[in-house]
Amino acid sequence: MIKALRSMLRDDAGATMVEYGILVALIAAVCIVIITSLGGKVSSAFNGVDAAL
């Protein structure tokens, strides 16, 4: 029973999932920043194309 408890305490699968969660959150934050900063430029480009048509 003690061996089972020790092996359960040493299991780091939960820590790995937390690391993946943090990585996904950081990637999402970077994507939001990029989309926000480029949003105005893309909108201007589409408006220019719309006016030309």
C-alpha atoms as a PDB file:
ATOM      1  CA  MET A   1       0.000   0.000   0.000  1.00  0.00           C
ATOM      2  CA  ILE A   2       2.850   2.382   0.784  1.00  0.00           C
ATOM      3  CA  LYS A   3       4.421   1.629  -2.598  1.00  0.00           C
ATOM      4  CA  ALA A   4       1.160   2.497  -4.343  1.00  0.00           C
ATOM      5  CA  LEU A   5       0.902   5.773  -2.419  1.00  0.00           C
ATOM      6  CA  ARG A   6       4.486   6.703  -3.257  1.00  0.00           C
ATOM      7  CA  SER A   7       4.014   5.935  -6.940  1.00  0.00           C
ATOM      8  CA  MET A   8       0.846   8.045  -6.976  1.00  0.00           C
ATOM      9  CA  LEU A   9       2.669  10.986  -5.378  1.00  0.00           C
ATOM     10  CA  ARG A  10       5.503  10.707  -7.908  1.00  0.00           C
ATOM     11  CA  ASP A  11       3.131  10.722 -10.882  1.00  0.00           C
ATOM     12  CA  ASP A  12       3.727  14.007 -12.739  1.00  0.00           C
ATOM     13  CA  ALA A  13       1.118  13.620 -15.499  1.00  0.00           C
ATOM     14  CA  GLY A  14      -0.949  16.407 -13.950  1.00  0.00           C
ATOM     15  CA  ALA A  15       2.024  18.760 -14.024  1.00  0.00           C
ATOM     16  CA  THR A  16       2.548  18.020 -17.696  1.00  0.00           C
ATOM     17  CA  MET A  17      -1.074  18.869 -18.473  1.00  0.00           C
ATOM     18  CA  VAL A  18      -0.721  22.141 -16.577  1.00  0.00           C
ATOM     19  CA  GLU A  19       2.373  22.985 -18.626  1.00  0.00           C
ATOM     20  CA  TYR A  20       0.495  22.281 -21.859  1.00  0.00           C
ATOM     21  CA  GLY A  21      -2.376  24.455 -20.629  1.00  0.00           C
ATOM     22  CA  ILE A  22      -0.017  27.341 -19.919  1.00  0.00           C
ATOM     23  CA  LEU A  23       1.585  26.911 -23.338  1.00  0.00           C
ATOM     24  CA  VAL A  24      -1.807  27.014 -25.084  1.00  0.00           C
ATOM     25  CA  ALA A  25      -2.798  30.113 -23.086  1.00  0.00           C
ATOM     26  CA  LEU A  26       0.412  31.912 -24.090  1.00  0.00           C
ATOM     27  CA  ILE A  27      -0.069  31.019 -27.759  1.00  0.00           C
ATOM     28  CA  ALA A  28      -3.659  32.289 -27.599  1.00  0.00           C
ATOM     29  CA  ALA A  29      -2.513  35.546 -25.974  1.00  0.00           C
ATOM     30  CA  VAL A  30       0.094  36.110 -28.692  1.00  0.00           C
ATOM     31  CA  CYS A  31      -2.495  35.441 -31.401  1.00  0.00           C
ATOM     32  CA  ILE A  32      -4.919  37.924 -29.837  1.00  0.00           C
ATOM     33  CA  VAL A  33      -2.227  40.607 -29.651  1.00  0.00           C
ATOM     34  CA  ILE A  34      -1.219  40.063 -33.282  1.00  0.00           C
ATOM     35  CA  ILE A  35      -4.805  40.070 -34.535  1.00  0.00           C
ATOM     36  CA  THR A  36      -5.605  43.200 -32.537  1.00  0.00           C
ATOM     37  CA  SER A  37      -2.561  45.069 -33.827  1.00  0.00           C
ATOM     38  CA  LEU A  38      -3.105  44.045 -37.460  1.00  0.00           C
ATOM     39  CA  GLY A  39      -6.890  44.432 -37.402  1.00  0.00           C
ATOM     40  CA  GLY A  40      -6.904  48.079 -38.399  1.00  0.00           C
ATOM     41  CA  LYS A  41      -4.493  47.562 -41.282  1.00  0.00           C
ATOM     42  CA  VAL A  42      -6.465  44.636 -42.674  1.00  0.00           C
ATOM     43  CA  SER A  43      -9.698  46.580 -42.358  1.00  0.00           C
ATOM     44  CA  SER A  44      -8.161  49.501 -44.252  1.00  0.00           C
ATOM     45  CA  ALA A  45      -6.966  47.185 -46.997  1.00  0.00           C
ATOM     46  CA  PHE A  46     -10.425  45.641 -47.417  1.00  0.00           C
ATOM     47  CA  ASN A  47     -12.033  49.096 -47.456  1.00  0.00           C
ATOM     48  CA  GLY A  48      -9.603  50.159 -50.185  1.00  0.00           C
ATOM     49  CA  VAL A  49     -10.460  47.111 -52.278  1.00  0.00           C
ATOM     50  CA  ASP A  50     -14.172  47.722 -51.701  1.00  0.00           C
ATOM     51  CA  ALA A  51     -13.864  51.339 -52.808  1.00  0.00           C
ATOM     52  CA  ALA A  52     -11.934  50.308 -55.914  1.00  0.00           C
ATOM     53  CA  LEU A  53     -14.632  47.878 -56.943  1.00  0.00           C
END
